[in-house]
C-alpha cells in the first residue's frame, strides 16, 4: 500500500505544479505569450542545436541545465512548506526536475549526443538533494554604501554578498581586458547579482508607505536603480571601451545592459507581490533578451514587452495603493 500511496501523492504534487503553471500563464496573458513564446522556443532550440553540434559545447549543455535548475531550486518559495508537509519531498523533486530536463535530453539525442544527454538526465535530479537557500538575516549590522531608500540594493547586496563579488569581477575583467568577451561576461554576471535584489518583493505595507502614485513611484525606483546600476557597471564598460572592442561597442553594451535592468525592475512590480511570478517573468525576460537578439522580430517584441510591463506594473501598484489605504485612491482617469 505504501508505494501506491506514494505514487498518488506524487501525482497530486505534479498536478498542483501544473495548476500553478497554468495560473502563471493566465497571469502573463495570452497576448504576451503569443508574442514571447514562439521566439523564446526558437531561441532555446537554436542555442541547443548550436551547442549540441559542437564537440565541446555539447558538454556544456548538462552543466547549464543543472545550473538553471539549481538557481530555481535554491529560491523555491515552497521549500519550507514541502519540508514540513512531506519529509520525503525530495523524491517528488527528483521526478519534477527529471521531467523538466527531458526537453534538453531529447534535443541532445536528436543531435546524436548520447553522452551529454545521459549526463543531463543524471545531473538534473541530483539538484533536488541540494539544500534550499537560507533567508537573509540581519543579525550583524553593516553600513551600506547605498541609500536606505534603495532597499533592493541594500538588501540584495547583503543577501548575495554582491559587495564582495563586484571587486572580484572588476579585477577579473581588468586582468583579461584584452579579450572583449571577459568584461561582457563579468557585466552579465553582475546583472544577475543585481537582479537577485529585485526578485524578492517587499511587504505591501512597506511599499505603500513610499507609494503616492504609480507613475511617481516607478520613476523614483527606476531613477535609483538605474543610477546605481550605471555607477557599478561603469568600470566594466571602461575596460571594454579601452580594449579592442572600442568605445562605440562599450556604449551599445552599456545601453543594452541598462535596458535589461529596467525590464527586470518593471517585472518585479508587474507581478507584485507573487515572488514565483516575479522570478519566472524575470527569467523569461532575460532569456528572450539574451537569446532572441538575433531575430528580426526582436526590436518590436522588446517594445511590446516593455509597454506591457509598464502597464501591468502601474495596474498592480494602483491595486496596492487602494488596498492599503495609505493615501487616497487614484481617480479613474489615470495619474
C-alpha atoms as a PDB file:
ATOM      1  CA  UNK A   1       0.000   0.000   0.000  1.00  0.00           C
ATOM      2  CA  UNK A   2       2.870   2.368   0.725  1.00  0.00           C
ATOM      3  CA  UNK A   3       4.137   2.506  -2.906  1.00  0.00           C
ATOM      4  CA  UNK A   4       0.578   3.147  -4.085  1.00  0.00           C
ATOM      5  CA  UNK A   5       0.119   5.967  -1.574  1.00  0.00           C
ATOM      6  CA  UNK A   6       3.482   7.432  -2.574  1.00  0.00           C
ATOM      7  CA  UNK A   7       2.525   7.307  -6.256  1.00  0.00           C
ATOM      8  CA  UNK A   8      -0.791   9.048  -5.570  1.00  0.00           C
ATOM      9  CA  UNK A   9       0.973  11.747  -3.556  1.00  0.00           C
ATOM     10  CA  UNK A  10       3.461  12.258  -6.369  1.00  0.00           C
ATOM     11  CA  UNK A  11       0.662  12.578  -8.938  1.00  0.00           C
ATOM     12  CA  UNK A  12      -1.120  15.071  -6.695  1.00  0.00           C
ATOM     13  CA  UNK A  13       2.061  17.126  -6.362  1.00  0.00           C
ATOM     14  CA  UNK A  14       2.722  17.145 -10.100  1.00  0.00           C
ATOM     15  CA  UNK A  15      -0.905  18.087 -10.727  1.00  0.00           C
ATOM     16  CA  UNK A  16      -0.526  21.000  -8.300  1.00  0.00           C
ATOM     17  CA  UNK A  17       2.594  22.173 -10.101  1.00  0.00           C
ATOM     18  CA  UNK A  18       0.713  22.076 -13.408  1.00  0.00           C
ATOM     19  CA  UNK A  19      -2.105  24.141 -11.906  1.00  0.00           C
ATOM     20  CA  UNK A  20       0.406  26.704 -10.665  1.00  0.00           C
ATOM     21  CA  UNK A  21       1.966  26.826 -14.127  1.00  0.00           C
ATOM     22  CA  UNK A  22      -1.445  27.374 -15.672  1.00  0.00           C
ATOM     23  CA  UNK A  23      -2.159  30.184 -13.230  1.00  0.00           C
ATOM     24  CA  UNK A  24       1.147  31.818 -14.121  1.00  0.00           C
ATOM     25  CA  UNK A  25       0.412  31.560 -17.847  1.00  0.00           C
ATOM     26  CA  UNK A  26      -3.022  33.126 -17.329  1.00  0.00           C
ATOM     27  CA  UNK A  27      -1.380  35.903 -15.320  1.00  0.00           C
ATOM     28  CA  UNK A  28       1.091  36.619 -18.115  1.00  0.00           C
ATOM     29  CA  UNK A  29      -1.751  36.764 -20.629  1.00  0.00           C
ATOM     30  CA  UNK A  30      -2.362  35.105 -23.980  1.00  0.00           C
ATOM     31  CA  UNK A  31      -1.175  38.110 -25.994  1.00  0.00           C
ATOM     32  CA  UNK A  32       2.218  38.283 -24.337  1.00  0.00           C
ATOM     33  CA  UNK A  33       2.531  34.504 -24.558  1.00  0.00           C
ATOM     34  CA  UNK A  34       1.772  34.635 -28.275  1.00  0.00           C
ATOM     35  CA  UNK A  35       4.477  37.267 -28.732  1.00  0.00           C
ATOM     36  CA  UNK A  36       7.157  35.853 -26.444  1.00  0.00           C
ATOM     37  CA  UNK A  37       6.539  32.093 -26.533  1.00  0.00           C
ATOM     38  CA  UNK A  38       7.486  31.284 -30.145  1.00  0.00           C
ATOM     39  CA  UNK A  39      10.575  33.500 -30.106  1.00  0.00           C
ATOM     40  CA  UNK A  40      11.769  32.041 -26.810  1.00  0.00           C
ATOM     41  CA  UNK A  41      11.216  28.490 -28.051  1.00  0.00           C
ATOM     42  CA  UNK A  42      13.111  29.222 -31.275  1.00  0.00           C
ATOM     43  CA  UNK A  43      15.943  30.877 -29.336  1.00  0.00           C
ATOM     44  CA  UNK A  44      16.321  27.954 -26.929  1.00  0.00           C
ATOM     45  CA  UNK A  45      16.173  25.495 -29.817  1.00  0.00           C
ATOM     46  CA  UNK A  46      18.805  27.463 -31.728  1.00  0.00           C
ATOM     47  CA  UNK A  47      21.093  27.546 -28.684  1.00  0.00           C
ATOM     48  CA  UNK A  48      20.591  23.812 -28.124  1.00  0.00           C
ATOM     49  CA  UNK A  49      21.292  22.988 -31.771  1.00  0.00           C
ATOM     50  CA  UNK A  50      24.402  25.187 -31.823  1.00  0.00           C
ATOM     51  CA  UNK A  51      25.880  23.802 -28.600  1.00  0.00           C
ATOM     52  CA  UNK A  52      24.767  20.242 -29.333  1.00  0.00           C
ATOM     53  CA  UNK A  53      26.611  20.232 -32.645  1.00  0.00           C
ATOM     54  CA  UNK A  54      29.876  21.465 -31.129  1.00  0.00           C
ATOM     55  CA  UNK A  55      32.217  18.774 -29.758  1.00  0.00           C
ATOM     56  CA  UNK A  56      32.978  20.804 -26.628  1.00  0.00           C
ATOM     57  CA  UNK A  57      29.819  22.915 -26.380  1.00  0.00           C
ATOM     58  CA  UNK A  58      27.584  19.840 -26.123  1.00  0.00           C
ATOM     59  CA  UNK A  59      29.179  19.031 -22.766  1.00  0.00           C
ATOM     60  CA  UNK A  60      28.279  22.497 -21.509  1.00  0.00           C
ATOM     61  CA  UNK A  61      24.563  21.805 -22.010  1.00  0.00           C
ATOM     62  CA  UNK A  62      24.238  19.454 -18.981  1.00  0.00           C
ATOM     63  CA  UNK A  63      26.080  21.944 -16.777  1.00  0.00           C
ATOM     64  CA  UNK A  64      23.947  24.878 -17.943  1.00  0.00           C
ATOM     65  CA  UNK A  65      20.757  22.865 -17.455  1.00  0.00           C
ATOM     66  CA  UNK A  66      21.756  21.798 -13.954  1.00  0.00           C
ATOM     67  CA  UNK A  67      22.802  25.351 -13.082  1.00  0.00           C
ATOM     68  CA  UNK A  68      19.428  26.710 -14.218  1.00  0.00           C
ATOM     69  CA  UNK A  69      17.545  24.136 -12.160  1.00  0.00           C
ATOM     70  CA  UNK A  70      19.819  24.781  -9.197  1.00  0.00           C
ATOM     71  CA  UNK A  71      19.131  28.517  -9.270  1.00  0.00           C
ATOM     72  CA  UNK A  72      15.372  27.912  -9.292  1.00  0.00           C
ATOM     73  CA  UNK A  73      15.648  25.198  -6.630  1.00  0.00           C
ATOM     74  CA  UNK A  74      17.618  27.358  -4.223  1.00  0.00           C
ATOM     75  CA  UNK A  75      14.995  30.111  -4.424  1.00  0.00           C
ATOM     76  CA  UNK A  76      11.867  27.956  -4.191  1.00  0.00           C
ATOM     77  CA  UNK A  77       9.179  29.760  -2.229  1.00  0.00           C
ATOM     78  CA  UNK A  78       7.573  26.469  -1.128  1.00  0.00           C
ATOM     79  CA  UNK A  79      10.744  24.799   0.182  1.00  0.00           C
ATOM     80  CA  UNK A  80       9.851  25.237   3.853  1.00  0.00           C
ATOM     81  CA  UNK A  81       6.255  24.128   3.284  1.00  0.00           C
ATOM     82  CA  UNK A  82       7.340  20.972   1.457  1.00  0.00           C
ATOM     83  CA  UNK A  83       9.860  20.097   4.154  1.00  0.00           C
ATOM     84  CA  UNK A  84       7.108  20.240   6.794  1.00  0.00           C
ATOM     85  CA  UNK A  85       4.211  18.766   4.818  1.00  0.00           C
ATOM     86  CA  UNK A  86       6.170  15.980   3.107  1.00  0.00           C
ATOM     87  CA  UNK A  87       9.533  14.972   4.629  1.00  0.00           C
ATOM     88  CA  UNK A  88      10.199  12.723   1.596  1.00  0.00           C
ATOM     89  CA  UNK A  89       9.508  15.537  -0.886  1.00  0.00           C
ATOM     90  CA  UNK A  90      12.956  15.123  -2.442  1.00  0.00           C
ATOM     91  CA  UNK A  91      11.605  12.147  -4.368  1.00  0.00           C
ATOM     92  CA  UNK A  92       8.948  14.404  -5.872  1.00  0.00           C
ATOM     93  CA  UNK A  93      11.556  16.995  -6.794  1.00  0.00           C
ATOM     94  CA  UNK A  94      13.724  14.328  -8.433  1.00  0.00           C
ATOM     95  CA  UNK A  95      10.835  13.384 -10.710  1.00  0.00           C
ATOM     96  CA  UNK A  96       9.932  17.032 -11.387  1.00  0.00           C
ATOM     97  CA  UNK A  97      13.463  18.054 -12.340  1.00  0.00           C
ATOM     98  CA  UNK A  98      13.873  14.936 -14.431  1.00  0.00           C
ATOM     99  CA  UNK A  99      10.727  15.826 -16.394  1.00  0.00           C
ATOM    100  CA  UNK A 100      11.875  19.416 -16.848  1.00  0.00           C
ATOM    101  CA  UNK A 101      15.211  18.248 -18.267  1.00  0.00           C
ATOM    102  CA  UNK A 102      13.602  15.924 -20.851  1.00  0.00           C
ATOM    103  CA  UNK A 103      13.348  18.702 -23.465  1.00  0.00           C
ATOM    104  CA  UNK A 104      17.126  19.145 -23.320  1.00  0.00           C
ATOM    105  CA  UNK A 105      17.719  15.380 -23.259  1.00  0.00           C
ATOM    106  CA  UNK A 106      15.584  14.818 -26.349  1.00  0.00           C
ATOM    107  CA  UNK A 107      17.294  17.712 -28.138  1.00  0.00           C
ATOM    108  CA  UNK A 108      20.730  16.249 -27.417  1.00  0.00           C
ATOM    109  CA  UNK A 109      19.622  12.811 -28.564  1.00  0.00           C
ATOM    110  CA  UNK A 110      18.391  14.366 -31.802  1.00  0.00           C
ATOM    111  CA  UNK A 111      21.932  15.718 -32.281  1.00  0.00           C
ATOM    112  CA  UNK A 112      23.330  12.233 -31.552  1.00  0.00           C
ATOM    113  CA  UNK A 113      24.941  13.429 -28.333  1.00  0.00           C
ATOM    114  CA  UNK A 114      24.190  10.403 -26.177  1.00  0.00           C
ATOM    115  CA  UNK A 115      26.855  11.101 -23.563  1.00  0.00           C
ATOM    116  CA  UNK A 116      25.746  14.683 -22.771  1.00  0.00           C
ATOM    117  CA  UNK A 117      22.102  13.520 -22.806  1.00  0.00           C
ATOM    118  CA  UNK A 118      22.854  10.840 -20.206  1.00  0.00           C
ATOM    119  CA  UNK A 119      24.816  13.350 -18.127  1.00  0.00           C
ATOM    120  CA  UNK A 120      21.897  15.810 -18.256  1.00  0.00           C
ATOM    121  CA  UNK A 121      19.469  13.121 -17.137  1.00  0.00           C
ATOM    122  CA  UNK A 122      21.834  12.230 -14.296  1.00  0.00           C
ATOM    123  CA  UNK A 123      22.656  15.737 -13.082  1.00  0.00           C
ATOM    124  CA  UNK A 124      19.161  17.266 -13.161  1.00  0.00           C
ATOM    125  CA  UNK A 125      17.605  15.012 -10.473  1.00  0.00           C
ATOM    126  CA  UNK A 126      20.647  15.487  -8.217  1.00  0.00           C
ATOM    127  CA  UNK A 127      19.675  19.145  -7.822  1.00  0.00           C
ATOM    128  CA  UNK A 128      16.824  18.016  -5.562  1.00  0.00           C
ATOM    129  CA  UNK A 129      19.338  16.984  -2.890  1.00  0.00           C
ATOM    130  CA  UNK A 130      20.893  20.450  -2.626  1.00  0.00           C
ATOM    131  CA  UNK A 131      19.655  22.319   0.485  1.00  0.00           C
ATOM    132  CA  UNK A 132      17.423  25.308  -0.293  1.00  0.00           C
ATOM    133  CA  UNK A 133      18.839  28.784   0.138  1.00  0.00           C
ATOM    134  CA  UNK A 134      18.588  30.384   3.545  1.00  0.00           C
ATOM    135  CA  UNK A 135      16.749  33.608   4.106  1.00  0.00           C
ATOM    136  CA  UNK A 136      18.965  36.616   4.666  1.00  0.00           C
ATOM    137  CA  UNK A 137      19.464  37.584   8.292  1.00  0.00           C
ATOM    138  CA  UNK A 138      20.146  40.964   9.816  1.00  0.00           C
ATOM    139  CA  UNK A 139      21.944  39.696  12.902  1.00  0.00           C
ATOM    140  CA  UNK A 140      25.114  41.641  12.067  1.00  0.00           C
ATOM    141  CA  UNK A 141      24.612  45.271  11.248  1.00  0.00           C
ATOM    142  CA  UNK A 142      26.611  46.786   8.439  1.00  0.00           C
ATOM    143  CA  UNK A 143      26.845  50.154   6.812  1.00  0.00           C
ATOM    144  CA  UNK A 144      25.632  50.045   3.249  1.00  0.00           C
ATOM    145  CA  UNK A 145      27.073  52.451   0.675  1.00  0.00           C
ATOM    146  CA  UNK A 146      23.580  52.718  -0.841  1.00  0.00           C
ATOM    147  CA  UNK A 147      20.771  54.929   0.353  1.00  0.00           C
ATOM    148  CA  UNK A 148      18.211  53.201   2.554  1.00  0.00           C
ATOM    149  CA  UNK A 149      15.537  54.237   0.056  1.00  0.00           C
ATOM    150  CA  UNK A 150      17.139  51.885  -2.469  1.00  0.00           C
ATOM    151  CA  UNK A 151      16.203  48.884  -0.334  1.00  0.00           C
ATOM    152  CA  UNK A 152      16.618  46.452  -3.232  1.00  0.00           C
ATOM    153  CA  UNK A 153      20.303  47.345  -3.414  1.00  0.00           C
ATOM    154  CA  UNK A 154      20.789  47.379   0.360  1.00  0.00           C
ATOM    155  CA  UNK A 155      19.099  44.025   0.957  1.00  0.00           C
ATOM    156  CA  UNK A 156      20.213  42.439  -2.298  1.00  0.00           C
ATOM    157  CA  UNK A 157      23.889  43.200  -1.794  1.00  0.00           C
ATOM    158  CA  UNK A 158      23.687  41.844   1.756  1.00  0.00           C
ATOM    159  CA  UNK A 159      21.952  38.619   0.710  1.00  0.00           C
ATOM    160  CA  UNK A 160      24.056  37.881  -2.377  1.00  0.00           C
ATOM    161  CA  UNK A 161      27.397  39.129  -0.985  1.00  0.00           C
ATOM    162  CA  UNK A 162      27.476  41.397  -4.028  1.00  0.00           C
ATOM    163  CA  UNK A 163      29.789  43.948  -2.430  1.00  0.00           C
ATOM    164  CA  UNK A 164      32.447  41.251  -2.178  1.00  0.00           C
ATOM    165  CA  UNK A 165      31.816  39.907  -5.659  1.00  0.00           C
ATOM    166  CA  UNK A 166      31.892  43.241  -7.505  1.00  0.00           C
ATOM    167  CA  UNK A 167      35.618  43.985  -6.985  1.00  0.00           C
ATOM    168  CA  UNK A 168      36.462  40.384  -7.911  1.00  0.00           C
ATOM    169  CA  UNK A 169      34.533  40.733 -11.175  1.00  0.00           C
ATOM    170  CA  UNK A 170      36.182  44.064 -11.932  1.00  0.00           C
ATOM    171  CA  UNK A 171      39.604  42.592 -11.165  1.00  0.00           C
ATOM    172  CA  UNK A 172      38.981  39.584 -13.411  1.00  0.00           C
ATOM    173  CA  UNK A 173      37.762  41.832 -16.240  1.00  0.00           C
ATOM    174  CA  UNK A 174      40.840  44.049 -15.853  1.00  0.00           C
ATOM    175  CA  UNK A 175      43.139  41.031 -15.857  1.00  0.00           C
ATOM    176  CA  UNK A 176      41.686  39.741 -19.134  1.00  0.00           C
ATOM    177  CA  UNK A 177      40.730  43.101 -20.631  1.00  0.00           C
ATOM    178  CA  UNK A 178      42.367  42.223 -23.952  1.00  0.00           C
ATOM    179  CA  UNK A 179      39.534  39.766 -24.626  1.00  0.00           C
ATOM    180  CA  UNK A 180      36.279  41.751 -25.120  1.00  0.00           C
ATOM    181  CA  UNK A 181      34.167  38.788 -24.060  1.00  0.00           C
ATOM    182  CA  UNK A 182      35.528  38.823 -20.498  1.00  0.00           C
ATOM    183  CA  UNK A 183      34.212  42.284 -19.460  1.00  0.00           C
ATOM    184  CA  UNK A 184      30.901  41.481 -21.152  1.00  0.00           C
ATOM    185  CA  UNK A 185      30.642  38.156 -19.292  1.00  0.00           C
ATOM    186  CA  UNK A 186      31.525  39.868 -15.993  1.00  0.00           C
ATOM    187  CA  UNK A 187      28.890  42.509 -16.676  1.00  0.00           C
ATOM    188  CA  UNK A 188      26.301  39.776 -17.301  1.00  0.00           C
ATOM    189  CA  UNK A 189      27.199  38.083 -14.009  1.00  0.00           C
ATOM    190  CA  UNK A 190      26.848  41.427 -12.243  1.00  0.00           C
ATOM    191  CA  UNK A 191      23.411  41.878 -13.829  1.00  0.00           C
ATOM    192  CA  UNK A 192      22.326  38.544 -12.343  1.00  0.00           C
ATOM    193  CA  UNK A 193      23.600  39.656  -8.925  1.00  0.00           C
ATOM    194  CA  UNK A 194      21.695  42.934  -9.143  1.00  0.00           C
ATOM    195  CA  UNK A 195      18.584  41.147 -10.424  1.00  0.00           C
ATOM    196  CA  UNK A 196      18.542  38.993  -7.282  1.00  0.00           C
ATOM    197  CA  UNK A 197      17.777  42.123  -5.257  1.00  0.00           C
ATOM    198  CA  UNK A 198      14.695  42.770  -7.387  1.00  0.00           C
ATOM    199  CA  UNK A 199      13.448  39.162  -7.228  1.00  0.00           C
ATOM    200  CA  UNK A 200      12.064  39.338  -3.681  1.00  0.00           C
ATOM    201  CA  UNK A 201       9.016  41.567  -3.099  1.00  0.00           C
ATOM    202  CA  UNK A 202       8.976  43.759  -0.029  1.00  0.00           C
ATOM    203  CA  UNK A 203       5.919  43.700   2.306  1.00  0.00           C
ATOM    204  CA  UNK A 204       2.915  45.623   0.901  1.00  0.00           C
ATOM    205  CA  UNK A 205       2.866  47.951   3.903  1.00  0.00           C
ATOM    206  CA  UNK A 206       6.484  48.949   3.273  1.00  0.00           C
ATOM    207  CA  UNK A 207       5.755  49.605  -0.376  1.00  0.00           C
ATOM    208  CA  UNK A 208       2.562  51.536   0.334  1.00  0.00           C
ATOM    209  CA  UNK A 209       4.356  53.909   2.720  1.00  0.00           C
ATOM    210  CA  UNK A 210       6.538  55.075  -0.183  1.00  0.00           C
ATOM    211  CA  UNK A 211       3.787  54.917  -2.778  1.00  0.00           C
ATOM    212  CA  UNK A 212       1.942  58.067  -3.770  1.00  0.00           C
ATOM    213  CA  UNK A 213       1.052  57.495  -7.393  1.00  0.00           C
ATOM    214  CA  UNK A 214       2.212  54.565  -9.519  1.00  0.00           C
ATOM    215  CA  UNK A 215       3.988  56.805 -12.031  1.00  0.00           C
ATOM    216  CA  UNK A 216       5.872  58.757  -9.373  1.00  0.00           C
ATOM    217  CA  UNK A 217       6.839  55.568  -7.572  1.00  0.00           C
ATOM    218  CA  UNK A 218       8.095  53.845 -10.724  1.00  0.00           C
ATOM    219  CA  UNK A 219      10.043  56.913 -11.808  1.00  0.00           C
ATOM    220  CA  UNK A 220      11.748  57.065  -8.417  1.00  0.00           C
ATOM    221  CA  UNK A 221      12.535  53.327  -8.333  1.00  0.00           C
ATOM    222  CA  UNK A 222      13.896  53.404 -11.882  1.00  0.00           C
ATOM    223  CA  UNK A 223      15.988  56.508 -11.191  1.00  0.00           C
ATOM    224  CA  UNK A 224      17.607  54.930  -8.116  1.00  0.00           C
ATOM    225  CA  UNK A 225      18.104  51.517  -9.694  1.00  0.00           C
ATOM    226  CA  UNK A 226      19.481  52.768 -12.991  1.00  0.00           C
ATOM    227  CA  UNK A 227      21.682  55.313 -11.227  1.00  0.00           C
ATOM    228  CA  UNK A 228      23.357  52.703  -9.041  1.00  0.00           C
ATOM    229  CA  UNK A 229      23.403  50.284 -11.961  1.00  0.00           C
ATOM    230  CA  UNK A 230      25.231  52.760 -14.189  1.00  0.00           C
ATOM    231  CA  UNK A 231      27.774  53.563 -11.466  1.00  0.00           C
ATOM    232  CA  UNK A 232      28.591  49.919 -10.784  1.00  0.00           C
ATOM    233  CA  UNK A 233      28.669  48.981 -14.479  1.00  0.00           C
ATOM    234  CA  UNK A 234      30.939  51.889 -15.444  1.00  0.00           C
ATOM    235  CA  UNK A 235      34.274  50.110 -14.684  1.00  0.00           C
ATOM    236  CA  UNK A 236      33.332  47.135 -16.878  1.00  0.00           C
ATOM    237  CA  UNK A 237      32.323  49.441 -19.730  1.00  0.00           C
ATOM    238  CA  UNK A 238      35.521  51.459 -19.341  1.00  0.00           C
ATOM    239  CA  UNK A 239      37.607  48.284 -19.619  1.00  0.00           C
ATOM    240  CA  UNK A 240      35.590  47.220 -22.655  1.00  0.00           C
ATOM    241  CA  UNK A 241      35.959  50.610 -24.341  1.00  0.00           C
ATOM    242  CA  UNK A 242      39.693  50.856 -23.649  1.00  0.00           C
ATOM    243  CA  UNK A 243      40.264  47.400 -25.133  1.00  0.00           C
ATOM    244  CA  UNK A 244      39.890  46.052 -28.618  1.00  0.00           C
ATOM    245  CA  UNK A 245      36.109  46.480 -28.748  1.00  0.00           C
ATOM    246  CA  UNK A 246      36.196  50.281 -28.765  1.00  0.00           C
ATOM    247  CA  UNK A 247      34.038  52.918 -27.126  1.00  0.00           C
ATOM    248  CA  UNK A 248      31.178  52.532 -29.583  1.00  0.00           C
ATOM    249  CA  UNK A 249      30.704  48.893 -28.620  1.00  0.00           C
ATOM    250  CA  UNK A 250      31.044  49.792 -24.927  1.00  0.00           C
ATOM    251  CA  UNK A 251      28.282  52.395 -25.257  1.00  0.00           C
ATOM    252  CA  UNK A 252      25.996  49.903 -27.034  1.00  0.00           C
ATOM    253  CA  UNK A 253      26.622  47.227 -24.416  1.00  0.00           C
ATOM    254  CA  UNK A 254      26.028  49.723 -21.611  1.00  0.00           C
ATOM    255  CA  UNK A 255      22.698  50.889 -23.040  1.00  0.00           C
ATOM    256  CA  UNK A 256      21.572  47.306 -23.587  1.00  0.00           C
ATOM    257  CA  UNK A 257      22.589  46.400 -20.031  1.00  0.00           C
ATOM    258  CA  UNK A 258      20.598  49.296 -18.579  1.00  0.00           C
ATOM    259  CA  UNK A 259      17.622  48.311 -20.738  1.00  0.00           C
ATOM    260  CA  UNK A 260      17.719  44.790 -19.315  1.00  0.00           C
ATOM    261  CA  UNK A 261      17.928  46.174 -15.783  1.00  0.00           C
ATOM    262  CA  UNK A 262      14.899  48.367 -16.492  1.00  0.00           C
ATOM    263  CA  UNK A 263      12.881  45.368 -17.672  1.00  0.00           C
ATOM    264  CA  UNK A 264      13.881  43.381 -14.589  1.00  0.00           C
ATOM    265  CA  UNK A 265      12.766  46.192 -12.287  1.00  0.00           C
ATOM    266  CA  UNK A 266       9.461  46.556 -14.105  1.00  0.00           C
ATOM    267  CA  UNK A 267       8.921  42.791 -13.906  1.00  0.00           C
ATOM    268  CA  UNK A 268       9.061  42.996 -10.129  1.00  0.00           C
ATOM    269  CA  UNK A 269       6.156  45.393  -9.834  1.00  0.00           C
ATOM    270  CA  UNK A 270       4.219  43.974 -12.788  1.00  0.00           C
ATOM    271  CA  UNK A 271       3.686  40.735 -10.831  1.00  0.00           C
ATOM    272  CA  UNK A 272       3.959  42.053  -7.276  1.00  0.00           C
ATOM    273  CA  UNK A 273       3.683  40.521  -4.655  1.00  0.00           C
ATOM    274  CA  UNK A 274       3.951  36.955  -6.049  1.00  0.00           C
ATOM    275  CA  UNK A 275       7.648  36.053  -5.760  1.00  0.00           C
ATOM    276  CA  UNK A 276       7.354  32.993  -8.017  1.00  0.00           C
ATOM    277  CA  UNK A 277       5.719  35.012 -10.794  1.00  0.00           C
ATOM    278  CA  UNK A 278       8.313  37.768 -10.431  1.00  0.00           C
ATOM    279  CA  UNK A 279      11.274  35.405 -10.739  1.00  0.00           C
ATOM    280  CA  UNK A 280       9.713  33.448 -13.584  1.00  0.00           C
ATOM    281  CA  UNK A 281       8.971  36.627 -15.528  1.00  0.00           C
ATOM    282  CA  UNK A 282      12.464  37.986 -14.916  1.00  0.00           C
ATOM    283  CA  UNK A 283      13.963  34.738 -16.186  1.00  0.00           C
ATOM    284  CA  UNK A 284      11.693  34.867 -19.223  1.00  0.00           C
ATOM    285  CA  UNK A 285      12.689  38.462 -19.960  1.00  0.00           C
ATOM    286  CA  UNK A 286      16.392  37.636 -19.684  1.00  0.00           C
ATOM    287  CA  UNK A 287      16.045  34.540 -21.853  1.00  0.00           C
ATOM    288  CA  UNK A 288      14.207  36.401 -24.598  1.00  0.00           C
ATOM    289  CA  UNK A 289      16.565  39.387 -24.434  1.00  0.00           C
ATOM    290  CA  UNK A 290      19.795  37.396 -24.499  1.00  0.00           C
ATOM    291  CA  UNK A 291      18.807  34.526 -26.780  1.00  0.00           C
ATOM    292  CA  UNK A 292      16.453  36.290 -29.155  1.00  0.00           C
ATOM    293  CA  UNK A 293      18.502  39.358 -30.044  1.00  0.00           C
ATOM    294  CA  UNK A 294      19.480  37.727 -33.350  1.00  0.00           C
ATOM    295  CA  UNK A 295      15.867  37.513 -34.529  1.00  0.00           C
ATOM    296  CA  UNK A 296      14.470  40.284 -36.819  1.00  0.00           C
ATOM    297  CA  UNK A 297      11.290  40.421 -34.725  1.00  0.00           C
ATOM    298  CA  UNK A 298      13.310  41.302 -31.613  1.00  0.00           C
ATOM    299  CA  UNK A 299      13.016  45.151 -31.630  1.00  0.00           C
ATOM    300  CA  UNK A 300       9.184  45.303 -31.906  1.00  0.00           C
ATOM    301  CA  UNK A 301       8.878  42.402 -29.481  1.00  0.00           C
ATOM    302  CA  UNK A 302      11.092  44.167 -26.951  1.00  0.00           C
ATOM    303  CA  UNK A 303       8.986  47.306 -27.326  1.00  0.00           C
ATOM    304  CA  UNK A 304       5.814  45.273 -26.741  1.00  0.00           C
ATOM    305  CA  UNK A 305       7.314  43.625 -23.643  1.00  0.00           C
ATOM    306  CA  UNK A 306       8.403  46.971 -22.198  1.00  0.00           C
ATOM    307  CA  UNK A 307       4.996  48.536 -22.823  1.00  0.00           C
ATOM    308  CA  UNK A 308       3.194  45.576 -21.285  1.00  0.00           C
ATOM    309  CA  UNK A 309       5.396  45.638 -18.186  1.00  0.00           C
ATOM    310  CA  UNK A 310       4.849  49.374 -17.692  1.00  0.00           C
ATOM    311  CA  UNK A 311       1.072  48.985 -17.976  1.00  0.00           C
ATOM    312  CA  UNK A 312       0.939  45.914 -15.734  1.00  0.00           C
ATOM    313  CA  UNK A 313       3.216  47.431 -13.070  1.00  0.00           C
ATOM    314  CA  UNK A 314       1.104  50.589 -12.819  1.00  0.00           C
ATOM    315  CA  UNK A 315      -2.023  48.433 -12.570  1.00  0.00           C
ATOM    316  CA  UNK A 316      -0.544  46.369  -9.721  1.00  0.00           C
ATOM    317  CA  UNK A 317       0.758  49.406  -7.863  1.00  0.00           C
ATOM    318  CA  UNK A 318      -2.644  51.058  -8.118  1.00  0.00           C
ATOM    319  CA  UNK A 319      -4.197  47.976  -6.508  1.00  0.00           C
ATOM    320  CA  UNK A 320      -1.653  48.094  -3.658  1.00  0.00           C
ATOM    321  CA  UNK A 321      -2.356  51.772  -3.129  1.00  0.00           C
ATOM    322  CA  UNK A 322      -6.101  51.269  -2.903  1.00  0.00           C
ATOM    323  CA  UNK A 323      -5.866  48.141  -0.734  1.00  0.00           C
ATOM    324  CA  UNK A 324      -3.605  49.516   1.985  1.00  0.00           C
ATOM    325  CA  UNK A 325      -5.327  52.911   2.289  1.00  0.00           C
ATOM    326  CA  UNK A 326      -2.150  54.820   2.998  1.00  0.00           C
ATOM    327  CA  UNK A 327      -3.336  57.538   0.700  1.00  0.00           C
ATOM    328  CA  UNK A 328      -6.486  58.314  -1.201  1.00  0.00           C
ATOM    329  CA  UNK A 329      -7.338  56.138  -4.221  1.00  0.00           C
ATOM    330  CA  UNK A 330      -6.359  57.446  -7.596  1.00  0.00           C
ATOM    331  CA  UNK A 331      -9.015  58.795  -9.927  1.00  0.00           C
ATOM    332  CA  UNK A 332     -10.269  56.525 -12.687  1.00  0.00           C
ATOM    333  CA  UNK A 333      -8.858  58.745 -15.405  1.00  0.00           C
ATOM    334  CA  UNK A 334      -5.266  57.906 -14.505  1.00  0.00           C
ATOM    335  CA  UNK A 335      -2.360  59.705 -12.952  1.00  0.00           C
END
